[in-house]
Structures are given as C-alpha cells and as structure tokens.
Amino acid sequence: MTTRPLVELAKTIRSKNAGVDQITFDIVFRDRETYELVKRSRALSPEVVTRLYGVPRERITAFVEFDPALAIKFTIRRERPSGSPGERDVFGAQQYAPLFDLPIPV
C-alpha cells in the first residue's frame, strides 16, 4: 500500500488555543477529493490522536470532520492552563508537528 505524509496532502495544519484549557487543531484541504480520501482512510481518528500525542481518550474533547470547510478538526484538553507554571506552549501554536508525518493511504 502506498502512503503519503499528511503534510503533503493538507493545505493547512495548525494548532492554537481554544480558551485557556484547550488546544484545537485544524487540518484543511485544498480540494474535496483529497479531503474525502483522508476522511475515508480513517488514518486520522481520535484513536490515532491519542497515540500521536500520548494523551488518554478522555482529553480529546472534540473530533469533527467538517465537510463545508474541507477540514478535520480536533481539540485536546491541556494538562495545565495556558500560561501556568510548567506549561510549555502559551499560545498552543507549536503542537501540530506530530501530524506532519502521519501516513495516509493513497
């Protein structure tokens, strides 16, 4: 089976704060064909997110395949509130990199 990394298929992969207690992730695609390919593959799912980020399933507060925007979105509850002692990414903007190399069957 041939695969391509998610970073080659997506137009945008980003993370950002969703309030002080959560980080949200957006994976947006250029066209419906690619979006549907990734969606059908199930290569990106809540279970995959738990493995990629080493978090228990209960910390994933949302996982949405949003057809109108050609986007897959998910939200993870932070271990610590943004800006609190020991928290590593105040803006939540540096958490998307593990998604880049995710293999997608093509």
N, C-alpha and C. Protein backbone atom coordinates (compact mmCIF):
# COMPACT_ATOMS: atom_id res chain seq x y z
N MET A 1 0.83 -1.18 0.00
CA MET A 1 0.00 0.00 0.00
C MET A 1 0.89 1.25 0.00
N THR A 2 0.56 2.17 -0.85
CA THR A 2 1.31 3.43 -0.94
C THR A 2 0.71 4.44 0.03
N THR A 3 1.59 5.18 0.69
CA THR A 3 1.14 6.24 1.59
C THR A 3 1.86 7.53 1.27
N ARG A 4 1.26 8.63 1.70
CA ARG A 4 1.89 9.95 1.63
C ARG A 4 1.71 10.61 2.99
N PRO A 5 2.68 11.40 3.41
CA PRO A 5 2.52 12.09 4.70
C PRO A 5 1.41 13.14 4.61
N LEU A 6 0.70 13.31 5.71
CA LEU A 6 -0.39 14.27 5.77
C LEU A 6 0.05 15.67 5.33
N VAL A 7 1.26 16.05 5.66
CA VAL A 7 1.75 17.39 5.31
C VAL A 7 1.75 17.63 3.80
N GLU A 8 1.88 16.58 3.01
CA GLU A 8 1.85 16.73 1.55
C GLU A 8 0.43 16.83 1.00
N LEU A 9 -0.56 16.42 1.77
CA LEU A 9 -1.94 16.41 1.30
C LEU A 9 -2.75 17.61 1.79
N ALA A 10 -2.39 18.14 2.93
CA ALA A 10 -3.16 19.23 3.53
C ALA A 10 -2.66 20.59 3.07
N LYS A 11 -3.59 21.53 2.96
CA LYS A 11 -3.23 22.92 2.66
C LYS A 11 -2.72 23.60 3.93
N THR A 12 -3.36 23.31 5.05
CA THR A 12 -3.02 23.94 6.33
C THR A 12 -3.08 22.91 7.43
N ILE A 13 -2.07 22.90 8.28
CA ILE A 13 -2.07 22.12 9.52
C ILE A 13 -1.64 23.10 10.61
N ARG A 14 -2.52 23.31 11.59
CA ARG A 14 -2.19 24.30 12.63
C ARG A 14 -2.80 23.90 13.96
N SER A 15 -2.26 24.51 15.00
CA SER A 15 -2.82 24.36 16.34
C SER A 15 -2.87 25.74 16.97
N LYS A 16 -3.81 25.91 17.91
CA LYS A 16 -3.94 27.21 18.59
C LYS A 16 -4.78 27.02 19.84
N ASN A 17 -4.73 28.01 20.71
CA ASN A 17 -5.53 27.98 21.92
C ASN A 17 -7.02 27.94 21.58
N ALA A 18 -7.74 27.23 22.41
CA ALA A 18 -9.20 27.26 22.38
C ALA A 18 -9.61 27.53 23.82
N GLY A 19 -9.39 28.76 24.25
CA GLY A 19 -9.54 29.11 25.65
C GLY A 19 -8.26 28.77 26.39
N VAL A 20 -8.26 28.91 27.69
CA VAL A 20 -7.03 28.67 28.46
C VAL A 20 -6.78 27.19 28.75
N ASP A 21 -7.81 26.36 28.58
CA ASP A 21 -7.68 24.97 28.98
C ASP A 21 -7.62 23.97 27.83
N GLN A 22 -7.67 24.45 26.58
CA GLN A 22 -7.70 23.52 25.45
C GLN A 22 -6.85 24.04 24.30
N ILE A 23 -6.40 23.10 23.47
CA ILE A 23 -5.70 23.42 22.22
C ILE A 23 -6.51 22.77 21.10
N THR A 24 -6.77 23.53 20.06
CA THR A 24 -7.53 23.00 18.93
C THR A 24 -6.61 22.87 17.72
N PHE A 25 -6.89 21.90 16.90
CA PHE A 25 -6.08 21.57 15.72
C PHE A 25 -6.98 21.63 14.49
N ASP A 26 -6.45 22.20 13.42
CA ASP A 26 -7.18 22.28 12.15
C ASP A 26 -6.32 21.68 11.05
N ILE A 27 -6.90 20.76 10.30
CA ILE A 27 -6.25 20.22 9.10
C ILE A 27 -7.21 20.53 7.96
N VAL A 28 -6.78 21.43 7.07
CA VAL A 28 -7.65 21.92 6.00
C VAL A 28 -7.06 21.46 4.66
N PHE A 29 -7.94 21.06 3.75
CA PHE A 29 -7.52 20.52 2.46
C PHE A 29 -7.88 21.45 1.32
N ARG A 30 -7.13 21.38 0.23
CA ARG A 30 -7.34 22.25 -0.93
C ARG A 30 -8.58 21.89 -1.73
N ASP A 31 -8.89 20.58 -1.76
CA ASP A 31 -9.99 20.14 -2.62
C ASP A 31 -10.74 19.00 -1.95
N ARG A 32 -11.97 18.83 -2.38
CA ARG A 32 -12.86 17.81 -1.79
C ARG A 32 -12.31 16.40 -1.99
N GLU A 33 -11.71 16.13 -3.13
CA GLU A 33 -11.18 14.79 -3.40
C GLU A 33 -10.15 14.36 -2.36
N THR A 34 -9.20 15.25 -2.05
CA THR A 34 -8.17 14.92 -1.07
C THR A 34 -8.77 14.82 0.33
N TYR A 35 -9.65 15.74 0.66
CA TYR A 35 -10.33 15.70 1.97
C TYR A 35 -11.06 14.37 2.14
N GLU A 36 -11.83 13.97 1.15
CA GLU A 36 -12.59 12.72 1.23
C GLU A 36 -11.66 11.51 1.31
N LEU A 37 -10.55 11.55 0.59
CA LEU A 37 -9.56 10.46 0.65
C LEU A 37 -9.05 10.28 2.07
N VAL A 38 -8.66 11.37 2.71
CA VAL A 38 -8.14 11.30 4.08
C VAL A 38 -9.25 10.87 5.04
N LYS A 39 -10.41 11.45 4.89
CA LYS A 39 -11.54 11.11 5.76
C LYS A 39 -11.89 9.62 5.66
N ARG A 40 -12.01 9.11 4.45
CA ARG A 40 -12.35 7.68 4.25
C ARG A 40 -11.26 6.74 4.77
N SER A 41 -10.03 7.19 4.73
CA SER A 41 -8.91 6.31 5.14
C SER A 41 -8.94 6.00 6.63
N ARG A 42 -9.56 6.86 7.43
CA ARG A 42 -9.58 6.74 8.90
C ARG A 42 -8.17 6.75 9.48
N ALA A 43 -7.21 7.25 8.70
CA ALA A 43 -5.82 7.36 9.18
C ALA A 43 -5.68 8.44 10.24
N LEU A 44 -6.65 9.34 10.31
CA LEU A 44 -6.69 10.36 11.35
C LEU A 44 -8.02 10.19 12.08
N SER A 45 -7.94 9.77 13.31
CA SER A 45 -9.11 9.49 14.13
C SER A 45 -8.78 9.83 15.58
N PRO A 46 -9.77 9.84 16.46
CA PRO A 46 -9.44 10.09 17.87
C PRO A 46 -8.41 9.10 18.42
N GLU A 47 -8.50 7.86 17.99
CA GLU A 47 -7.54 6.85 18.47
C GLU A 47 -6.13 7.15 18.00
N VAL A 48 -6.00 7.62 16.78
CA VAL A 48 -4.68 8.00 16.25
C VAL A 48 -4.15 9.21 17.01
N VAL A 49 -5.01 10.17 17.30
CA VAL A 49 -4.59 11.36 18.06
C VAL A 49 -4.07 10.96 19.43
N THR A 50 -4.73 10.00 20.08
CA THR A 50 -4.25 9.58 21.41
C THR A 50 -2.84 9.01 21.32
N ARG A 51 -2.55 8.26 20.25
CA ARG A 51 -1.20 7.71 20.07
C ARG A 51 -0.19 8.80 19.74
N LEU A 52 -0.54 9.67 18.79
CA LEU A 52 0.40 10.72 18.36
C LEU A 52 0.79 11.66 19.50
N TYR A 53 -0.17 11.98 20.34
CA TYR A 53 0.05 12.97 21.40
C TYR A 53 0.21 12.36 22.78
N GLY A 54 0.11 11.05 22.88
CA GLY A 54 0.30 10.39 24.17
C GLY A 54 -0.68 10.87 25.22
N VAL A 55 -1.94 11.04 24.82
CA VAL A 55 -2.97 11.50 25.75
C VAL A 55 -4.07 10.46 25.85
N PRO A 56 -4.71 10.38 27.01
CA PRO A 56 -5.85 9.46 27.12
C PRO A 56 -7.04 9.98 26.31
N ARG A 57 -7.89 9.08 25.88
CA ARG A 57 -9.04 9.44 25.03
C ARG A 57 -9.91 10.52 25.66
N GLU A 58 -10.04 10.52 26.97
CA GLU A 58 -10.92 11.50 27.62
C GLU A 58 -10.41 12.94 27.53
N ARG A 59 -9.15 13.13 27.15
CA ARG A 59 -8.65 14.50 26.95
C ARG A 59 -9.00 15.06 25.57
N ILE A 60 -9.47 14.22 24.66
CA ILE A 60 -9.93 14.71 23.36
C ILE A 60 -11.38 15.12 23.54
N THR A 61 -11.62 16.44 23.50
CA THR A 61 -12.96 16.95 23.80
C THR A 61 -13.81 17.11 22.55
N ALA A 62 -13.19 17.08 21.37
CA ALA A 62 -13.94 17.18 20.12
C ALA A 62 -13.10 16.57 19.00
N PHE A 63 -13.78 15.94 18.06
CA PHE A 63 -13.16 15.45 16.83
C PHE A 63 -14.23 15.56 15.76
N VAL A 64 -14.01 16.46 14.78
CA VAL A 64 -15.05 16.79 13.80
C VAL A 64 -14.48 16.72 12.40
N GLU A 65 -15.18 16.03 11.53
CA GLU A 65 -14.91 16.09 10.09
C GLU A 65 -15.91 17.10 9.54
N PHE A 66 -15.42 18.29 9.21
CA PHE A 66 -16.29 19.42 8.86
C PHE A 66 -16.32 19.60 7.35
N ASP A 67 -17.27 18.94 6.70
CA ASP A 67 -17.36 18.90 5.24
C ASP A 67 -17.40 20.28 4.58
N PRO A 68 -18.18 21.25 5.09
CA PRO A 68 -18.24 22.55 4.39
C PRO A 68 -16.89 23.25 4.26
N ALA A 69 -15.99 23.01 5.21
CA ALA A 69 -14.67 23.67 5.17
C ALA A 69 -13.57 22.75 4.66
N LEU A 70 -13.92 21.52 4.27
CA LEU A 70 -12.92 20.53 3.86
C LEU A 70 -11.85 20.39 4.95
N ALA A 71 -12.29 20.24 6.19
CA ALA A 71 -11.37 20.27 7.32
C ALA A 71 -11.68 19.16 8.33
N ILE A 72 -10.63 18.69 8.96
CA ILE A 72 -10.74 17.81 10.11
C ILE A 72 -10.21 18.62 11.28
N LYS A 73 -11.00 18.66 12.34
CA LYS A 73 -10.67 19.49 13.49
C LYS A 73 -10.77 18.64 14.75
N PHE A 74 -9.84 18.86 15.68
CA PHE A 74 -9.97 18.19 16.98
C PHE A 74 -9.41 19.10 18.06
N THR A 75 -9.86 18.83 19.27
CA THR A 75 -9.48 19.66 20.42
C THR A 75 -9.03 18.74 21.55
N ILE A 76 -7.91 19.13 22.18
CA ILE A 76 -7.35 18.38 23.31
C ILE A 76 -7.35 19.29 24.54
N ARG A 77 -7.82 18.76 25.65
CA ARG A 77 -7.75 19.49 26.91
C ARG A 77 -6.30 19.50 27.39
N ARG A 78 -5.81 20.66 27.75
CA ARG A 78 -4.43 20.80 28.25
C ARG A 78 -4.26 20.12 29.61
N GLU A 79 -3.01 19.74 29.91
CA GLU A 79 -2.69 19.24 31.25
C GLU A 79 -2.72 20.38 32.26
N ARG A 80 -2.28 21.57 31.82
CA ARG A 80 -2.25 22.76 32.67
C ARG A 80 -2.81 23.94 31.87
N PRO A 81 -3.43 24.90 32.54
CA PRO A 81 -3.93 26.07 31.81
C PRO A 81 -2.81 26.84 31.12
N SER A 82 -3.14 27.45 30.02
CA SER A 82 -2.18 28.27 29.27
C SER A 82 -1.55 29.33 30.18
N GLY A 83 -0.23 29.40 30.14
CA GLY A 83 0.50 30.41 30.92
C GLY A 83 0.77 30.02 32.35
N SER A 84 0.32 28.86 32.80
CA SER A 84 0.56 28.46 34.18
C SER A 84 1.98 27.89 34.31
N PRO A 85 2.53 27.85 35.52
CA PRO A 85 3.87 27.31 35.72
C PRO A 85 4.00 25.89 35.16
N GLY A 86 5.05 25.67 34.40
CA GLY A 86 5.32 24.36 33.83
C GLY A 86 4.65 24.12 32.48
N GLU A 87 3.77 24.99 32.07
CA GLU A 87 3.11 24.86 30.78
C GLU A 87 4.10 25.30 29.71
N ARG A 88 4.18 24.54 28.58
CA ARG A 88 5.26 24.73 27.61
C ARG A 88 4.91 25.56 26.37
N ASP A 89 3.65 25.81 26.10
CA ASP A 89 3.28 26.50 24.86
C ASP A 89 2.07 27.40 25.14
N VAL A 90 2.33 28.62 25.54
CA VAL A 90 1.28 29.55 25.98
C VAL A 90 0.20 29.72 24.92
N PHE A 91 0.57 29.82 23.66
CA PHE A 91 -0.40 30.06 22.60
C PHE A 91 -0.94 28.79 21.94
N GLY A 92 -0.38 27.64 22.29
CA GLY A 92 -0.82 26.38 21.71
C GLY A 92 -0.46 26.25 20.24
N ALA A 93 0.41 27.11 19.76
CA ALA A 93 0.70 27.19 18.33
C ALA A 93 1.86 26.31 17.88
N GLN A 94 2.41 25.52 18.79
CA GLN A 94 3.57 24.68 18.43
C GLN A 94 3.27 23.19 18.58
N GLN A 95 2.01 22.81 18.55
CA GLN A 95 1.64 21.43 18.84
C GLN A 95 1.28 20.60 17.61
N TYR A 96 1.31 21.16 16.45
CA TYR A 96 0.82 20.48 15.24
C TYR A 96 1.84 19.57 14.57
N ALA A 97 3.11 19.70 14.85
CA ALA A 97 4.17 18.98 14.13
C ALA A 97 3.99 17.46 14.09
N PRO A 98 3.52 16.79 15.15
CA PRO A 98 3.36 15.34 15.04
C PRO A 98 2.41 14.88 13.93
N LEU A 99 1.55 15.78 13.45
CA LEU A 99 0.64 15.42 12.37
C LEU A 99 1.33 15.36 11.01
N PHE A 100 2.42 16.06 10.84
CA PHE A 100 3.07 16.18 9.52
C PHE A 100 3.35 14.83 8.86
N ASP A 101 3.97 13.93 9.60
CA ASP A 101 4.43 12.67 9.03
C ASP A 101 3.40 11.54 9.11
N LEU A 102 2.20 11.84 9.53
CA LEU A 102 1.17 10.81 9.62
C LEU A 102 0.94 10.19 8.24
N PRO A 103 1.15 8.88 8.09
CA PRO A 103 0.99 8.25 6.77
C PRO A 103 -0.50 8.10 6.40
N ILE A 104 -0.82 8.54 5.20
CA ILE A 104 -2.18 8.44 4.69
C ILE A 104 -2.16 7.50 3.47
N PRO A 105 -2.95 6.44 3.49
CA PRO A 105 -3.01 5.55 2.32
C PRO A 105 -3.59 6.30 1.10
N VAL A 106 -2.91 6.19 -0.02
CA VAL A 106 -3.41 6.86 -1.24
C VAL A 106 -3.59 5.85 -2.36
